[in-house]
Amino acid sequence: NVVVVGAQWGDEGKGKIVDWLSERA
């Protein structure tokens, strides 16, 4: 199980990465 967090002040590009991972979740 994977947690995705922004590691700066937000707006890091989480949307694309989450989408990329969500295909397999």
mmCIF file of all heavy atoms, coordinates in Angstrom:
data_MODEL
# 
_entry.id   MODEL 
# 
loop_
_atom_site.group_PDB 
_atom_site.id 
_atom_site.type_symbol 
_atom_site.label_atom_id 
_atom_site.label_alt_id 
_atom_site.label_comp_id 
_atom_site.label_asym_id 
_atom_site.label_entity_id 
_atom_site.label_seq_id 
_atom_site.pdbx_PDB_ins_code 
_atom_site.Cartn_x 
_atom_site.Cartn_y 
_atom_site.Cartn_z 
_atom_site.occupancy 
_atom_site.B_iso_or_equiv 
_atom_site.pdbx_formal_charge 
_atom_site.auth_seq_id 
_atom_site.auth_comp_id 
_atom_site.auth_asym_id 
_atom_site.auth_atom_id 
_atom_site.pdbx_PDB_model_num 
ATOM 1   N N   . ASN A 1 1  ? 0.850  -1.183 0.000   1.00 0.00 ? 1  ASN A N   1 
ATOM 2   C CA  . ASN A 1 1  ? 0.000  0.000  0.000   1.00 0.00 ? 1  ASN A CA  1 
ATOM 3   C C   . ASN A 1 1  ? 0.890  1.238  0.000   1.00 0.00 ? 1  ASN A C   1 
ATOM 4   O O   . ASN A 1 1  ? 1.887  1.286  0.704   1.00 0.00 ? 1  ASN A O   1 
ATOM 5   C CB  . ASN A 1 1  ? -0.927 0.007  1.219   1.00 0.00 ? 1  ASN A CB  1 
ATOM 6   C CG  . ASN A 1 1  ? -1.854 -1.189 1.225   1.00 0.00 ? 1  ASN A CG  1 
ATOM 7   O OD1 . ASN A 1 1  ? -2.355 -1.599 0.181   1.00 0.00 ? 1  ASN A OD1 1 
ATOM 8   N ND2 . ASN A 1 1  ? -2.070 -1.780 2.390   1.00 0.00 ? 1  ASN A ND2 1 
ATOM 9   N N   . VAL A 1 2  ? 0.507  2.232  -0.777  1.00 0.00 ? 2  VAL A N   1 
ATOM 10  C CA  . VAL A 1 2  ? 1.384  3.373  -1.035  1.00 0.00 ? 2  VAL A CA  1 
ATOM 11  C C   . VAL A 1 2  ? 0.704  4.677  -0.606  1.00 0.00 ? 2  VAL A C   1 
ATOM 12  O O   . VAL A 1 2  ? -0.470 4.906  -0.909  1.00 0.00 ? 2  VAL A O   1 
ATOM 13  C CB  . VAL A 1 2  ? 1.738  3.463  -2.541  1.00 0.00 ? 2  VAL A CB  1 
ATOM 14  C CG1 . VAL A 1 2  ? 2.622  4.676  -2.823  1.00 0.00 ? 2  VAL A CG1 1 
ATOM 15  C CG2 . VAL A 1 2  ? 2.430  2.179  -3.005  1.00 0.00 ? 2  VAL A CG2 1 
ATOM 16  N N   . VAL A 1 3  ? 1.475  5.527  0.102   1.00 0.00 ? 3  VAL A N   1 
ATOM 17  C CA  . VAL A 1 3  ? 1.025  6.886  0.433   1.00 0.00 ? 3  VAL A CA  1 
ATOM 18  C C   . VAL A 1 3  ? 1.763  7.864  -0.479  1.00 0.00 ? 3  VAL A C   1 
ATOM 19  O O   . VAL A 1 3  ? 2.988  7.792  -0.599  1.00 0.00 ? 3  VAL A O   1 
ATOM 20  C CB  . VAL A 1 3  ? 1.318  7.251  1.904   1.00 0.00 ? 3  VAL A CB  1 
ATOM 21  C CG1 . VAL A 1 3  ? 0.887  8.690  2.191   1.00 0.00 ? 3  VAL A CG1 1 
ATOM 22  C CG2 . VAL A 1 3  ? 0.604  6.305  2.855   1.00 0.00 ? 3  VAL A CG2 1 
ATOM 23  N N   . VAL A 1 4  ? 1.014  8.759  -1.097  1.00 0.00 ? 4  VAL A N   1 
ATOM 24  C CA  . VAL A 1 4  ? 1.618  9.818  -1.913  1.00 0.00 ? 4  VAL A CA  1 
ATOM 25  C C   . VAL A 1 4  ? 1.473  11.141 -1.167  1.00 0.00 ? 4  VAL A C   1 
ATOM 26  O O   . VAL A 1 4  ? 0.355  11.546 -0.830  1.00 0.00 ? 4  VAL A O   1 
ATOM 27  C CB  . VAL A 1 4  ? 0.947  9.915  -3.294  1.00 0.00 ? 4  VAL A CB  1 
ATOM 28  C CG1 . VAL A 1 4  ? 1.471  11.125 -4.061  1.00 0.00 ? 4  VAL A CG1 1 
ATOM 29  C CG2 . VAL A 1 4  ? 1.204  8.643  -4.092  1.00 0.00 ? 4  VAL A CG2 1 
ATOM 30  N N   . VAL A 1 5  ? 2.608  11.783 -0.897  1.00 0.00 ? 5  VAL A N   1 
ATOM 31  C CA  . VAL A 1 5  ? 2.571  13.089 -0.240  1.00 0.00 ? 5  VAL A CA  1 
ATOM 32  C C   . VAL A 1 5  ? 3.372  14.099 -1.052  1.00 0.00 ? 5  VAL A C   1 
ATOM 33  O O   . VAL A 1 5  ? 4.387  13.754 -1.671  1.00 0.00 ? 5  VAL A O   1 
ATOM 34  C CB  . VAL A 1 5  ? 3.136  13.048 1.216   1.00 0.00 ? 5  VAL A CB  1 
ATOM 35  C CG1 . VAL A 1 5  ? 2.270  12.226 2.118   1.00 0.00 ? 5  VAL A CG1 1 
ATOM 36  C CG2 . VAL A 1 5  ? 4.573  12.533 1.245   1.00 0.00 ? 5  VAL A CG2 1 
ATOM 37  N N   . GLY A 1 6  ? 2.924  15.336 -1.052  1.00 0.00 ? 6  GLY A N   1 
ATOM 38  C CA  . GLY A 1 6  ? 3.737  16.412 -1.601  1.00 0.00 ? 6  GLY A CA  1 
ATOM 39  C C   . GLY A 1 6  ? 4.845  16.712 -0.606  1.00 0.00 ? 6  GLY A C   1 
ATOM 40  O O   . GLY A 1 6  ? 4.593  16.817 0.594   1.00 0.00 ? 6  GLY A O   1 
ATOM 41  N N   . ALA A 1 7  ? 6.084  16.825 -1.079  1.00 0.00 ? 7  ALA A N   1 
ATOM 42  C CA  . ALA A 1 7  ? 7.203  16.983 -0.148  1.00 0.00 ? 7  ALA A CA  1 
ATOM 43  C C   . ALA A 1 7  ? 7.732  18.413 -0.096  1.00 0.00 ? 7  ALA A C   1 
ATOM 44  O O   . ALA A 1 7  ? 8.724  18.677 0.597   1.00 0.00 ? 7  ALA A O   1 
ATOM 45  C CB  . ALA A 1 7  ? 8.324  16.008 -0.510  1.00 0.00 ? 7  ALA A CB  1 
ATOM 46  N N   . GLN A 1 8  ? 7.048  19.336 -0.811  1.00 0.00 ? 8  GLN A N   1 
ATOM 47  C CA  . GLN A 1 8  ? 7.426  20.753 -0.729  1.00 0.00 ? 8  GLN A CA  1 
ATOM 48  C C   . GLN A 1 8  ? 6.216  21.547 -0.251  1.00 0.00 ? 8  GLN A C   1 
ATOM 49  O O   . GLN A 1 8  ? 5.602  21.161 0.744   1.00 0.00 ? 8  GLN A O   1 
ATOM 50  C CB  . GLN A 1 8  ? 7.971  21.220 -2.099  1.00 0.00 ? 8  GLN A CB  1 
ATOM 51  C CG  . GLN A 1 8  ? 9.307  20.520 -2.463  1.00 0.00 ? 8  GLN A CG  1 
ATOM 52  C CD  . GLN A 1 8  ? 9.607  20.532 -3.940  1.00 0.00 ? 8  GLN A CD  1 
ATOM 53  O OE1 . GLN A 1 8  ? 8.771  20.156 -4.755  1.00 0.00 ? 8  GLN A OE1 1 
ATOM 54  N NE2 . GLN A 1 8  ? 10.812 20.931 -4.322  1.00 0.00 ? 8  GLN A NE2 1 
ATOM 55  N N   . TRP A 1 9  ? 5.886  22.657 -0.951  1.00 0.00 ? 9  TRP A N   1 
ATOM 56  C CA  . TRP A 1 9  ? 4.738  23.463 -0.530  1.00 0.00 ? 9  TRP A CA  1 
ATOM 57  C C   . TRP A 1 9  ? 3.483  23.178 -1.358  1.00 0.00 ? 9  TRP A C   1 
ATOM 58  O O   . TRP A 1 9  ? 2.641  24.037 -1.546  1.00 0.00 ? 9  TRP A O   1 
ATOM 59  C CB  . TRP A 1 9  ? 5.072  24.957 -0.605  1.00 0.00 ? 9  TRP A CB  1 
ATOM 60  C CG  . TRP A 1 9  ? 5.816  25.492 0.577   1.00 0.00 ? 9  TRP A CG  1 
ATOM 61  C CD1 . TRP A 1 9  ? 5.315  25.686 1.841   1.00 0.00 ? 9  TRP A CD1 1 
ATOM 62  C CD2 . TRP A 1 9  ? 7.174  25.945 0.627   1.00 0.00 ? 9  TRP A CD2 1 
ATOM 63  N NE1 . TRP A 1 9  ? 6.280  26.227 2.658   1.00 0.00 ? 9  TRP A NE1 1 
ATOM 64  C CE2 . TRP A 1 9  ? 7.434  26.409 1.947   1.00 0.00 ? 9  TRP A CE2 1 
ATOM 65  C CE3 . TRP A 1 9  ? 8.190  26.030 -0.303  1.00 0.00 ? 9  TRP A CE3 1 
ATOM 66  C CZ2 . TRP A 1 9  ? 8.647  26.919 2.340   1.00 0.00 ? 9  TRP A CZ2 1 
ATOM 67  C CZ3 . TRP A 1 9  ? 9.410  26.528 0.087   1.00 0.00 ? 9  TRP A CZ3 1 
ATOM 68  C CH2 . TRP A 1 9  ? 9.646  26.968 1.396   1.00 0.00 ? 9  TRP A CH2 1 
ATOM 69  N N   . GLY A 1 10 ? 3.364  21.986 -1.887  1.00 0.00 ? 10 GLY A N   1 
ATOM 70  C CA  . GLY A 1 10 ? 2.232  21.660 -2.743  1.00 0.00 ? 10 GLY A CA  1 
ATOM 71  C C   . GLY A 1 10 ? 2.552  21.966 -4.203  1.00 0.00 ? 10 GLY A C   1 
ATOM 72  O O   . GLY A 1 10 ? 3.624  22.470 -4.545  1.00 0.00 ? 10 GLY A O   1 
ATOM 73  N N   . ASP A 1 11 ? 1.616  21.630 -5.081  1.00 0.00 ? 11 ASP A N   1 
ATOM 74  C CA  . ASP A 1 11 ? 1.762  21.894 -6.524  1.00 0.00 ? 11 ASP A CA  1 
ATOM 75  C C   . ASP A 1 11 ? 2.987  21.192 -7.123  1.00 0.00 ? 11 ASP A C   1 
ATOM 76  O O   . ASP A 1 11 ? 3.615  21.693 -8.053  1.00 0.00 ? 11 ASP A O   1 
ATOM 77  C CB  . ASP A 1 11 ? 1.854  23.407 -6.819  1.00 0.00 ? 11 ASP A CB  1 
ATOM 78  C CG  . ASP A 1 11 ? 0.671  24.187 -6.266  1.00 0.00 ? 11 ASP A CG  1 
ATOM 79  O OD1 . ASP A 1 11 ? -0.459 23.783 -6.537  1.00 0.00 ? 11 ASP A OD1 1 
ATOM 80  O OD2 . ASP A 1 11 ? 0.875  25.170 -5.559  1.00 0.00 ? 11 ASP A OD2 1 
ATOM 81  N N   . GLU A 1 12 ? 3.333  20.019 -6.601  1.00 0.00 ? 12 GLU A N   1 
ATOM 82  C CA  . GLU A 1 12 ? 4.533  19.323 -7.073  1.00 0.00 ? 12 GLU A CA  1 
ATOM 83  C C   . GLU A 1 12 ? 4.295  18.436 -8.293  1.00 0.00 ? 12 GLU A C   1 
ATOM 84  O O   . GLU A 1 12 ? 5.220  17.825 -8.819  1.00 0.00 ? 12 GLU A O   1 
ATOM 85  C CB  . GLU A 1 12 ? 5.136  18.442 -5.960  1.00 0.00 ? 12 GLU A CB  1 
ATOM 86  C CG  . GLU A 1 12 ? 5.536  19.192 -4.701  1.00 0.00 ? 12 GLU A CG  1 
ATOM 87  C CD  . GLU A 1 12 ? 4.450  19.132 -3.644  1.00 0.00 ? 12 GLU A CD  1 
ATOM 88  O OE1 . GLU A 1 12 ? 3.291  18.723 -3.990  1.00 0.00 ? 12 GLU A OE1 1 
ATOM 89  O OE2 . GLU A 1 12 ? 4.711  19.479 -2.495  1.00 0.00 ? 12 GLU A OE2 1 
ATOM 90  N N   . GLY A 1 13 ? 3.033  18.339 -8.718  1.00 0.00 ? 13 GLY A N   1 
ATOM 91  C CA  . GLY A 1 13 ? 2.712  17.441 -9.828  1.00 0.00 ? 13 GLY A CA  1 
ATOM 92  C C   . GLY A 1 13 ? 2.176  16.103 -9.360  1.00 0.00 ? 13 GLY A C   1 
ATOM 93  O O   . GLY A 1 13 ? 2.382  15.068 -9.996  1.00 0.00 ? 13 GLY A O   1 
ATOM 94  N N   . LYS A 1 14 ? 1.462  16.120 -8.195  1.00 0.00 ? 14 LYS A N   1 
ATOM 95  C CA  . LYS A 1 14 ? 0.939  14.877 -7.624  1.00 0.00 ? 14 LYS A CA  1 
ATOM 96  C C   . LYS A 1 14 ? -0.097 14.238 -8.537  1.00 0.00 ? 14 LYS A C   1 
ATOM 97  O O   . LYS A 1 14 ? -0.209 13.018 -8.602  1.00 0.00 ? 14 LYS A O   1 
ATOM 98  C CB  . LYS A 1 14 ? 0.304  15.150 -6.246  1.00 0.00 ? 14 LYS A CB  1 
ATOM 99  C CG  . LYS A 1 14 ? 1.288  15.533 -5.167  1.00 0.00 ? 14 LYS A CG  1 
ATOM 100 C CD  . LYS A 1 14 ? 0.636  15.670 -3.803  1.00 0.00 ? 14 LYS A CD  1 
ATOM 101 C CE  . LYS A 1 14 ? -0.285 16.864 -3.728  1.00 0.00 ? 14 LYS A CE  1 
ATOM 102 N NZ  . LYS A 1 14 ? 0.380  18.187 -3.890  1.00 0.00 ? 14 LYS A NZ  1 
ATOM 103 N N   . GLY A 1 15 ? -0.873 15.071 -9.247  1.00 0.00 ? 15 GLY A N   1 
ATOM 104 C CA  . GLY A 1 15 ? -1.982 14.555 -10.051 1.00 0.00 ? 15 GLY A CA  1 
ATOM 105 C C   . GLY A 1 15 ? -1.541 13.498 -11.039 1.00 0.00 ? 15 GLY A C   1 
ATOM 106 O O   . GLY A 1 15 ? -2.104 12.395 -11.102 1.00 0.00 ? 15 GLY A O   1 
ATOM 107 N N   . LYS A 1 16 ? -0.506 13.804 -11.805 1.00 0.00 ? 16 LYS A N   1 
ATOM 108 C CA  . LYS A 1 16 ? -0.023 12.853 -12.806 1.00 0.00 ? 16 LYS A CA  1 
ATOM 109 C C   . LYS A 1 16 ? 0.491  11.575 -12.147 1.00 0.00 ? 16 LYS A C   1 
ATOM 110 O O   . LYS A 1 16 ? 0.198  10.468 -12.606 1.00 0.00 ? 16 LYS A O   1 
ATOM 111 C CB  . LYS A 1 16 ? 1.101  13.493 -13.642 1.00 0.00 ? 16 LYS A CB  1 
ATOM 112 C CG  . LYS A 1 16 ? 1.840  12.473 -14.484 1.00 0.00 ? 16 LYS A CG  1 
ATOM 113 C CD  . LYS A 1 16 ? 3.105  12.977 -15.119 1.00 0.00 ? 16 LYS A CD  1 
ATOM 114 C CE  . LYS A 1 16 ? 4.003  11.828 -15.540 1.00 0.00 ? 16 LYS A CE  1 
ATOM 115 N NZ  . LYS A 1 16 ? 5.143  12.263 -16.362 1.00 0.00 ? 16 LYS A NZ  1 
ATOM 116 N N   . ILE A 1 17 ? 1.272  11.736 -11.071 1.00 0.00 ? 17 ILE A N   1 
ATOM 117 C CA  . ILE A 1 17 ? 1.874  10.568 -10.417 1.00 0.00 ? 17 ILE A CA  1 
ATOM 118 C C   . ILE A 1 17 ? 0.788  9.685  -9.794  1.00 0.00 ? 17 ILE A C   1 
ATOM 119 O O   . ILE A 1 17 ? 0.822  8.458  -9.907  1.00 0.00 ? 17 ILE A O   1 
ATOM 120 C CB  . ILE A 1 17 ? 2.909  10.997 -9.355  1.00 0.00 ? 17 ILE A CB  1 
ATOM 121 C CG1 . ILE A 1 17 ? 4.003  11.878 -9.975  1.00 0.00 ? 17 ILE A CG1 1 
ATOM 122 C CG2 . ILE A 1 17 ? 3.503  9.783  -8.660  1.00 0.00 ? 17 ILE A CG2 1 
ATOM 123 C CD1 . ILE A 1 17 ? 4.872  11.224 -11.007 1.00 0.00 ? 17 ILE A CD1 1 
ATOM 124 N N   . VAL A 1 18 ? -0.186 10.327 -9.130  1.00 0.00 ? 18 VAL A N   1 
ATOM 125 C CA  . VAL A 1 18 ? -1.279 9.560  -8.530  1.00 0.00 ? 18 VAL A CA  1 
ATOM 126 C C   . VAL A 1 18 ? -2.054 8.824  -9.610  1.00 0.00 ? 18 VAL A C   1 
ATOM 127 O O   . VAL A 1 18 ? -2.409 7.653  -9.460  1.00 0.00 ? 18 VAL A O   1 
ATOM 128 C CB  . VAL A 1 18 ? -2.203 10.481 -7.698  1.00 0.00 ? 18 VAL A CB  1 
ATOM 129 C CG1 . VAL A 1 18 ? -3.499 9.764  -7.343  1.00 0.00 ? 18 VAL A CG1 1 
ATOM 130 C CG2 . VAL A 1 18 ? -1.502 10.941 -6.430  1.00 0.00 ? 18 VAL A CG2 1 
ATOM 131 N N   . ASP A 1 19 ? -2.298 9.507  -10.714 1.00 0.00 ? 19 ASP A N   1 
ATOM 132 C CA  . ASP A 1 19 ? -3.007 8.847  -11.812 1.00 0.00 ? 19 ASP A CA  1 
ATOM 133 C C   . ASP A 1 19 ? -2.206 7.665  -12.346 1.00 0.00 ? 19 ASP A C   1 
ATOM 134 O O   . ASP A 1 19 ? -2.739 6.588  -12.613 1.00 0.00 ? 19 ASP A O   1 
ATOM 135 C CB  . ASP A 1 19 ? -3.274 9.862  -12.932 1.00 0.00 ? 19 ASP A CB  1 
ATOM 136 C CG  . ASP A 1 19 ? -3.850 9.184  -14.166 1.00 0.00 ? 19 ASP A CG  1 
ATOM 137 O OD1 . ASP A 1 19 ? -4.864 8.482  -14.021 1.00 0.00 ? 19 ASP A OD1 1 
ATOM 138 O OD2 . ASP A 1 19 ? -3.268 9.325  -15.252 1.00 0.00 ? 19 ASP A OD2 1 
ATOM 139 N N   . TRP A 1 20 ? -0.916 7.879  -12.500 1.00 0.00 ? 20 TRP A N   1 
ATOM 140 C CA  . TRP A 1 20 ? -0.026 6.833  -13.003 1.00 0.00 ? 20 TRP A CA  1 
ATOM 141 C C   . TRP A 1 20 ? -0.056 5.603  -12.088 1.00 0.00 ? 20 TRP A C   1 
ATOM 142 O O   . TRP A 1 20 ? -0.091 4.462  -12.531 1.00 0.00 ? 20 TRP A O   1 
ATOM 143 C CB  . TRP A 1 20 ? 1.381  7.417  -13.111 1.00 0.00 ? 20 TRP A CB  1 
ATOM 144 C CG  . TRP A 1 20 ? 2.390  6.560  -13.802 1.00 0.00 ? 20 TRP A CG  1 
ATOM 145 C CD1 . TRP A 1 20 ? 2.595  6.418  -15.149 1.00 0.00 ? 20 TRP A CD1 1 
ATOM 146 C CD2 . TRP A 1 20 ? 3.364  5.722  -13.164 1.00 0.00 ? 20 TRP A CD2 1 
ATOM 147 N NE1 . TRP A 1 20 ? 3.632  5.547  -15.379 1.00 0.00 ? 20 TRP A NE1 1 
ATOM 148 C CE2 . TRP A 1 20 ? 4.122  5.113  -14.187 1.00 0.00 ? 20 TRP A CE2 1 
ATOM 149 C CE3 . TRP A 1 20 ? 3.670  5.434  -11.833 1.00 0.00 ? 20 TRP A CE3 1 
ATOM 150 C CZ2 . TRP A 1 20 ? 5.161  4.227  -13.917 1.00 0.00 ? 20 TRP A CZ2 1 
ATOM 151 C CZ3 . TRP A 1 20 ? 4.709  4.554  -11.560 1.00 0.00 ? 20 TRP A CZ3 1 
ATOM 152 C CH2 . TRP A 1 20 ? 5.433  3.965  -12.595 1.00 0.00 ? 20 TRP A CH2 1 
ATOM 153 N N   . LEU A 1 21 ? -0.078 5.851  -10.774 1.00 0.00 ? 21 LEU A N   1 
ATOM 154 C CA  . LEU A 1 21 ? -0.120 4.761  -9.807  1.00 0.00 ? 21 LEU A CA  1 
ATOM 155 C C   . LEU A 1 21 ? -1.514 4.156  -9.673  1.00 0.00 ? 21 LEU A C   1 
ATOM 156 O O   . LEU A 1 21 ? -1.667 2.961  -9.426  1.00 0.00 ? 21 LEU A O   1 
ATOM 157 C CB  . LEU A 1 21 ? 0.337  5.255  -8.433  1.00 0.00 ? 21 LEU A CB  1 
ATOM 158 C CG  . LEU A 1 21 ? 1.832  5.579  -8.286  1.00 0.00 ? 21 LEU A CG  1 
ATOM 159 C CD1 . LEU A 1 21 ? 2.079  6.351  -6.995  1.00 0.00 ? 21 LEU A CD1 1 
ATOM 160 C CD2 . LEU A 1 21 ? 2.676  4.311  -8.299  1.00 0.00 ? 21 LEU A CD2 1 
ATOM 161 N N   . SER A 1 22 ? -2.534 5.001  -9.832  1.00 0.00 ? 22 SER A N   1 
ATOM 162 C CA  . SER A 1 22 ? -3.905 4.547  -9.573  1.00 0.00 ? 22 SER A CA  1 
ATOM 163 C C   . SER A 1 22 ? -4.355 3.469  -10.550 1.00 0.00 ? 22 SER A C   1 
ATOM 164 O O   . SER A 1 22 ? -5.254 2.691  -10.249 1.00 0.00 ? 22 SER A O   1 
ATOM 165 C CB  . SER A 1 22 ? -4.886 5.723  -9.607  1.00 0.00 ? 22 SER A CB  1 
ATOM 166 O OG  . SER A 1 22 ? -5.017 6.253  -10.914 1.00 0.00 ? 22 SER A OG  1 
ATOM 167 N N   . GLU A 1 23 ? -3.720 3.425  -11.703 1.00 0.00 ? 23 GLU A N   1 
ATOM 168 C CA  . GLU A 1 23 ? -4.073 2.392  -12.676 1.00 0.00 ? 23 GLU A CA  1 
ATOM 169 C C   . GLU A 1 23 ? -3.874 0.997  -12.091 1.00 0.00 ? 23 GLU A C   1 
ATOM 170 O O   . GLU A 1 23 ? -4.564 0.053  -12.434 1.00 0.00 ? 23 GLU A O   1 
ATOM 171 C CB  . GLU A 1 23 ? -3.244 2.573  -13.944 1.00 0.00 ? 23 GLU A CB  1 
ATOM 172 C CG  . GLU A 1 23 ? -3.768 1.767  -15.111 1.00 0.00 ? 23 GLU A CG  1 
ATOM 173 C CD  . GLU A 1 23 ? -3.108 2.123  -16.426 1.00 0.00 ? 23 GLU A CD  1 
ATOM 174 O OE1 . GLU A 1 23 ? -1.878 2.328  -16.459 1.00 0.00 ? 23 GLU A OE1 1 
ATOM 175 O OE2 . GLU A 1 23 ? -3.824 2.199  -17.419 1.00 0.00 ? 23 GLU A OE2 1 
ATOM 176 N N   . ARG A 1 24 ? -2.895 0.876  -11.173 1.00 0.00 ? 24 ARG A N   1 
ATOM 177 C CA  . ARG A 1 24 ? -2.583 -0.433 -10.600 1.00 0.00 ? 24 ARG A CA  1 
ATOM 178 C C   . ARG A 1 24 ? -3.142 -0.624 -9.186  1.00 0.00 ? 24 ARG A C   1 
ATOM 179 O O   . ARG A 1 24 ? -2.974 -1.680 -8.596  1.00 0.00 ? 24 ARG A O   1 
ATOM 180 C CB  . ARG A 1 24 ? -1.073 -0.626 -10.602 1.00 0.00 ? 24 ARG A CB  1 
ATOM 181 C CG  . ARG A 1 24 ? -0.565 -0.736 -12.051 1.00 0.00 ? 24 ARG A CG  1 
ATOM 182 C CD  . ARG A 1 24 ? 0.856  -0.455 -12.217 1.00 0.00 ? 24 ARG A CD  1 
ATOM 183 N NE  . ARG A 1 24 ? 1.655  -1.342 -11.374 1.00 0.00 ? 24 ARG A NE  1 
ATOM 184 C CZ  . ARG A 1 24 ? 2.640  -0.877 -10.634 1.00 0.00 ? 24 ARG A CZ  1 
ATOM 185 N NH1 . ARG A 1 24 ? 2.921  0.403  -10.629 1.00 0.00 ? 24 ARG A NH1 1 
ATOM 186 N NH2 . ARG A 1 24 ? 3.337  -1.724 -9.913  1.00 0.00 ? 24 ARG A NH2 1 
ATOM 187 N N   . ALA A 1 25 ? -3.759 0.422  -8.654  1.00 0.00 ? 25 ALA A N   1 
ATOM 188 C CA  . ALA A 1 25 ? -4.355 0.313  -7.319  1.00 0.00 ? 25 ALA A CA  1 
ATOM 189 C C   . ALA A 1 25 ? -5.792 -0.182 -7.423  1.00 0.00 ? 25 ALA A C   1 
ATOM 190 O O   . ALA A 1 25 ? -6.444 -0.032 -8.457  1.00 0.00 ? 25 ALA A O   1 
ATOM 191 C CB  . ALA A 1 25 ? -4.316 1.670  -6.618  1.00 0.00 ? 25 ALA A CB  1 
# 
